[in-house]
């Protein structure tokens, strides 16, 4: 048994603060937010207080479309960190959001990973997790 399992630590739940609270409030409402720079126009995700492209602090929240394309994925068959061990197998993925940024996530509801293809369309969904809604993606029908 791993040390994390013995201590009951969770590695899949956020620790919101004043800056990230709008993001987690939006996911609870079924929206995915990204940040957009007012100086250079670049969108980014994960949320940061500055633009990772030009370093401007003129960044604001923007509601994303929720559409993405699959960039890459891996089917995970073993994970010792709680609660992931009870979820195997699962598909860990990187997606390209329609607005431009790449995002690490999970693809759900796809059955076997053999049906996934690079560039296929995905749509955001939300997995409930102890008071939070965590963004995941489903294959777009």
C-alpha atoms as a PDB file:
ATOM      1  CA  UNK A   1       0.000   0.000   0.000  1.00  0.00           C
ATOM      2  CA  UNK A   2       1.345   3.416  -0.929  1.00  0.00           C
ATOM      3  CA  UNK A   3       2.005   6.119   1.651  1.00  0.00           C
ATOM      4  CA  UNK A   4      -0.784   8.222   0.147  1.00  0.00           C
ATOM      5  CA  UNK A   5      -3.260   5.364   0.510  1.00  0.00           C
ATOM      6  CA  UNK A   6      -2.235   4.845   4.146  1.00  0.00           C
ATOM      7  CA  UNK A   7      -2.730   8.518   4.989  1.00  0.00           C
ATOM      8  CA  UNK A   8      -5.983   8.928   3.056  1.00  0.00           C
ATOM      9  CA  UNK A   9      -4.626  11.785   0.911  1.00  0.00           C
ATOM     10  CA  UNK A  10      -6.529  12.669  -2.260  1.00  0.00           C
ATOM     11  CA  UNK A  11      -4.718  13.835  -5.384  1.00  0.00           C
ATOM     12  CA  UNK A  12      -7.693  14.575  -7.637  1.00  0.00           C
ATOM     13  CA  UNK A  13      -9.398  17.396  -5.744  1.00  0.00           C
ATOM     14  CA  UNK A  14      -8.522  21.086  -6.107  1.00  0.00           C
ATOM     15  CA  UNK A  15      -7.671  23.466  -3.313  1.00  0.00           C
ATOM     16  CA  UNK A  16      -9.431  26.640  -4.502  1.00  0.00           C
ATOM     17  CA  UNK A  17      -8.132  30.026  -3.458  1.00  0.00           C
ATOM     18  CA  UNK A  18      -9.386  33.547  -4.170  1.00  0.00           C
ATOM     19  CA  UNK A  19      -7.857  33.479  -7.662  1.00  0.00           C
ATOM     20  CA  UNK A  20      -9.147  30.050  -8.787  1.00  0.00           C
ATOM     21  CA  UNK A  21     -12.581  30.292  -7.124  1.00  0.00           C
ATOM     22  CA  UNK A  22     -14.238  31.712 -10.315  1.00  0.00           C
ATOM     23  CA  UNK A  23     -12.927  28.720 -12.279  1.00  0.00           C
ATOM     24  CA  UNK A  24     -14.352  26.159  -9.833  1.00  0.00           C
ATOM     25  CA  UNK A  25     -17.632  28.068  -9.498  1.00  0.00           C
ATOM     26  CA  UNK A  26     -17.945  27.973 -13.302  1.00  0.00           C
ATOM     27  CA  UNK A  27     -17.270  24.230 -13.517  1.00  0.00           C
ATOM     28  CA  UNK A  28     -19.978  23.681 -10.894  1.00  0.00           C
ATOM     29  CA  UNK A  29     -22.342  25.580 -13.231  1.00  0.00           C
ATOM     30  CA  UNK A  30     -21.264  23.437 -16.203  1.00  0.00           C
ATOM     31  CA  UNK A  31     -18.910  25.932 -17.870  1.00  0.00           C
ATOM     32  CA  UNK A  32     -15.233  25.654 -18.711  1.00  0.00           C
ATOM     33  CA  UNK A  33     -13.256  28.883 -18.272  1.00  0.00           C
ATOM     34  CA  UNK A  34      -9.940  29.853 -19.810  1.00  0.00           C
ATOM     35  CA  UNK A  35      -7.857  33.000 -19.419  1.00  0.00           C
ATOM     36  CA  UNK A  36      -7.272  35.465 -22.266  1.00  0.00           C
ATOM     37  CA  UNK A  37      -4.595  38.151 -22.430  1.00  0.00           C
ATOM     38  CA  UNK A  38      -5.743  41.678 -23.212  1.00  0.00           C
ATOM     39  CA  UNK A  39      -2.248  42.665 -24.352  1.00  0.00           C
ATOM     40  CA  UNK A  40      -1.406  39.957 -26.904  1.00  0.00           C
ATOM     41  CA  UNK A  41      -4.757  38.159 -27.282  1.00  0.00           C
ATOM     42  CA  UNK A  42      -3.410  34.700 -26.385  1.00  0.00           C
ATOM     43  CA  UNK A  43      -5.642  32.277 -24.505  1.00  0.00           C
ATOM     44  CA  UNK A  44      -4.183  29.945 -21.915  1.00  0.00           C
ATOM     45  CA  UNK A  45      -5.091  27.135 -19.579  1.00  0.00           C
ATOM     46  CA  UNK A  46      -4.330  26.271 -16.697  1.00  0.00           C
ATOM     47  CA  UNK A  47      -5.454  29.546 -15.059  1.00  0.00           C
ATOM     48  CA  UNK A  48      -2.591  31.916 -14.218  1.00  0.00           C
ATOM     49  CA  UNK A  49      -2.557  35.517 -13.090  1.00  0.00           C
ATOM     50  CA  UNK A  50      -0.290  36.513 -15.985  1.00  0.00           C
ATOM     51  CA  UNK A  51       0.013  35.670 -19.670  1.00  0.00           C
ATOM     52  CA  UNK A  52       2.584  32.902 -20.219  1.00  0.00           C
ATOM     53  CA  UNK A  53       3.234  34.292 -23.719  1.00  0.00           C
ATOM     54  CA  UNK A  54       3.956  37.994 -23.077  1.00  0.00           C
ATOM     55  CA  UNK A  55       3.915  38.114 -19.234  1.00  0.00           C
ATOM     56  CA  UNK A  56       1.177  40.757 -19.137  1.00  0.00           C
ATOM     57  CA  UNK A  57      -1.062  40.821 -16.081  1.00  0.00           C
ATOM     58  CA  UNK A  58      -3.946  42.077 -18.260  1.00  0.00           C
ATOM     59  CA  UNK A  59      -5.712  38.703 -18.338  1.00  0.00           C
ATOM     60  CA  UNK A  60      -9.396  37.973 -17.862  1.00  0.00           C
ATOM     61  CA  UNK A  61     -11.672  34.961 -17.539  1.00  0.00           C
ATOM     62  CA  UNK A  62     -13.465  33.820 -20.684  1.00  0.00           C
ATOM     63  CA  UNK A  63     -16.087  31.126 -21.122  1.00  0.00           C
ATOM     64  CA  UNK A  64     -14.721  28.440 -23.451  1.00  0.00           C
ATOM     65  CA  UNK A  65     -16.867  26.710 -26.064  1.00  0.00           C
ATOM     66  CA  UNK A  66     -16.214  23.318 -24.487  1.00  0.00           C
ATOM     67  CA  UNK A  67     -15.065  21.875 -27.808  1.00  0.00           C
ATOM     68  CA  UNK A  68     -11.667  20.263 -28.256  1.00  0.00           C
ATOM     69  CA  UNK A  69      -9.704  17.872 -30.421  1.00  0.00           C
ATOM     70  CA  UNK A  70      -7.701  14.960 -29.104  1.00  0.00           C
ATOM     71  CA  UNK A  71      -3.959  15.654 -29.222  1.00  0.00           C
ATOM     72  CA  UNK A  72      -2.696  12.506 -27.482  1.00  0.00           C
ATOM     73  CA  UNK A  73      -3.766   9.962 -24.882  1.00  0.00           C
ATOM     74  CA  UNK A  74      -2.676   6.991 -22.825  1.00  0.00           C
ATOM     75  CA  UNK A  75      -4.797   4.258 -21.329  1.00  0.00           C
ATOM     76  CA  UNK A  76      -3.780   3.919 -17.678  1.00  0.00           C
ATOM     77  CA  UNK A  77      -4.015   0.416 -16.213  1.00  0.00           C
ATOM     78  CA  UNK A  78      -2.262   0.986 -12.894  1.00  0.00           C
ATOM     79  CA  UNK A  79      -2.175   3.961 -10.550  1.00  0.00           C
ATOM     80  CA  UNK A  80      -1.372   3.691  -6.854  1.00  0.00           C
ATOM     81  CA  UNK A  81      -2.545   7.190  -5.898  1.00  0.00           C
ATOM     82  CA  UNK A  82      -6.018   7.348  -4.364  1.00  0.00           C
ATOM     83  CA  UNK A  83      -8.619   7.409  -5.788  1.00  0.00           C
ATOM     84  CA  UNK A  84      -7.195   6.651  -9.241  1.00  0.00           C
ATOM     85  CA  UNK A  85      -6.532   2.988  -8.440  1.00  0.00           C
ATOM     86  CA  UNK A  86     -10.264   2.353  -8.226  1.00  0.00           C
ATOM     87  CA  UNK A  87     -10.813   3.996 -11.647  1.00  0.00           C
ATOM     88  CA  UNK A  88      -8.429   1.936 -13.801  1.00  0.00           C
ATOM     89  CA  UNK A  89      -8.426   1.555 -16.663  1.00  0.00           C
ATOM     90  CA  UNK A  90      -8.964   5.185 -17.616  1.00  0.00           C
ATOM     91  CA  UNK A  91      -7.861   7.405 -20.485  1.00  0.00           C
ATOM     92  CA  UNK A  92      -5.497  10.243 -19.567  1.00  0.00           C
ATOM     93  CA  UNK A  93      -5.350  12.757 -22.401  1.00  0.00           C
ATOM     94  CA  UNK A  94      -4.116  16.072 -23.709  1.00  0.00           C
ATOM     95  CA  UNK A  95      -6.651  18.003 -25.782  1.00  0.00           C
ATOM     96  CA  UNK A  96      -6.442  21.130 -27.901  1.00  0.00           C
ATOM     97  CA  UNK A  97      -9.253  23.441 -26.850  1.00  0.00           C
ATOM     98  CA  UNK A  98     -11.050  25.206 -29.719  1.00  0.00           C
ATOM     99  CA  UNK A  99      -9.760  28.511 -28.305  1.00  0.00           C
ATOM    100  CA  UNK A 100      -6.137  27.358 -28.661  1.00  0.00           C
ATOM    101  CA  UNK A 101      -4.722  26.182 -25.332  1.00  0.00           C
ATOM    102  CA  UNK A 102      -3.807  22.575 -24.602  1.00  0.00           C
ATOM    103  CA  UNK A 103      -5.295  20.982 -21.527  1.00  0.00           C
ATOM    104  CA  UNK A 104      -4.516  17.815 -19.597  1.00  0.00           C
ATOM    105  CA  UNK A 105      -7.702  15.904 -18.860  1.00  0.00           C
ATOM    106  CA  UNK A 106      -9.425  12.567 -19.012  1.00  0.00           C
ATOM    107  CA  UNK A 107     -11.576  11.141 -21.812  1.00  0.00           C
ATOM    108  CA  UNK A 108     -14.623   9.368 -20.391  1.00  0.00           C
ATOM    109  CA  UNK A 109     -17.459   7.300 -21.795  1.00  0.00           C
ATOM    110  CA  UNK A 110     -15.431   5.993 -24.696  1.00  0.00           C
ATOM    111  CA  UNK A 111     -15.169   2.349 -23.688  1.00  0.00           C
ATOM    112  CA  UNK A 112     -11.850   1.079 -24.986  1.00  0.00           C
ATOM    113  CA  UNK A 113      -9.128   3.506 -26.002  1.00  0.00           C
ATOM    114  CA  UNK A 114      -8.794   1.663 -29.323  1.00  0.00           C
ATOM    115  CA  UNK A 115     -11.654   3.794 -30.667  1.00  0.00           C
ATOM    116  CA  UNK A 116      -9.801   7.062 -30.056  1.00  0.00           C
ATOM    117  CA  UNK A 117      -8.041   8.893 -32.883  1.00  0.00           C
ATOM    118  CA  UNK A 118      -5.775  11.920 -32.876  1.00  0.00           C
ATOM    119  CA  UNK A 119      -7.741  14.951 -34.042  1.00  0.00           C
ATOM    120  CA  UNK A 120     -11.164  13.560 -33.177  1.00  0.00           C
ATOM    121  CA  UNK A 121     -13.748  15.969 -31.800  1.00  0.00           C
ATOM    122  CA  UNK A 122     -14.439  16.057 -28.070  1.00  0.00           C
ATOM    123  CA  UNK A 123     -16.898  17.948 -25.885  1.00  0.00           C
ATOM    124  CA  UNK A 124     -16.423  18.941 -22.263  1.00  0.00           C
ATOM    125  CA  UNK A 125     -18.350  17.111 -19.551  1.00  0.00           C
ATOM    126  CA  UNK A 126     -18.009  17.370 -15.788  1.00  0.00           C
ATOM    127  CA  UNK A 127     -17.293  14.625 -13.243  1.00  0.00           C
ATOM    128  CA  UNK A 128     -18.719  15.281  -9.777  1.00  0.00           C
ATOM    129  CA  UNK A 129     -16.094  14.886  -7.071  1.00  0.00           C
ATOM    130  CA  UNK A 130     -16.889  15.706  -3.448  1.00  0.00           C
ATOM    131  CA  UNK A 131     -18.372  19.152  -3.974  1.00  0.00           C
ATOM    132  CA  UNK A 132     -16.440  19.942  -7.144  1.00  0.00           C
ATOM    133  CA  UNK A 133     -17.122  19.485 -10.845  1.00  0.00           C
ATOM    134  CA  UNK A 134     -13.940  18.424 -12.627  1.00  0.00           C
ATOM    135  CA  UNK A 135     -13.765  18.987 -16.406  1.00  0.00           C
ATOM    136  CA  UNK A 136     -13.357  15.816 -18.472  1.00  0.00           C
ATOM    137  CA  UNK A 137     -14.112  15.206 -22.142  1.00  0.00           C
ATOM    138  CA  UNK A 138     -16.382  12.856 -24.120  1.00  0.00           C
ATOM    139  CA  UNK A 139     -16.209  11.874 -27.765  1.00  0.00           C
ATOM    140  CA  UNK A 140     -18.386  14.281 -29.725  1.00  0.00           C
ATOM    141  CA  UNK A 141     -21.313  12.542 -31.400  1.00  0.00           C
END
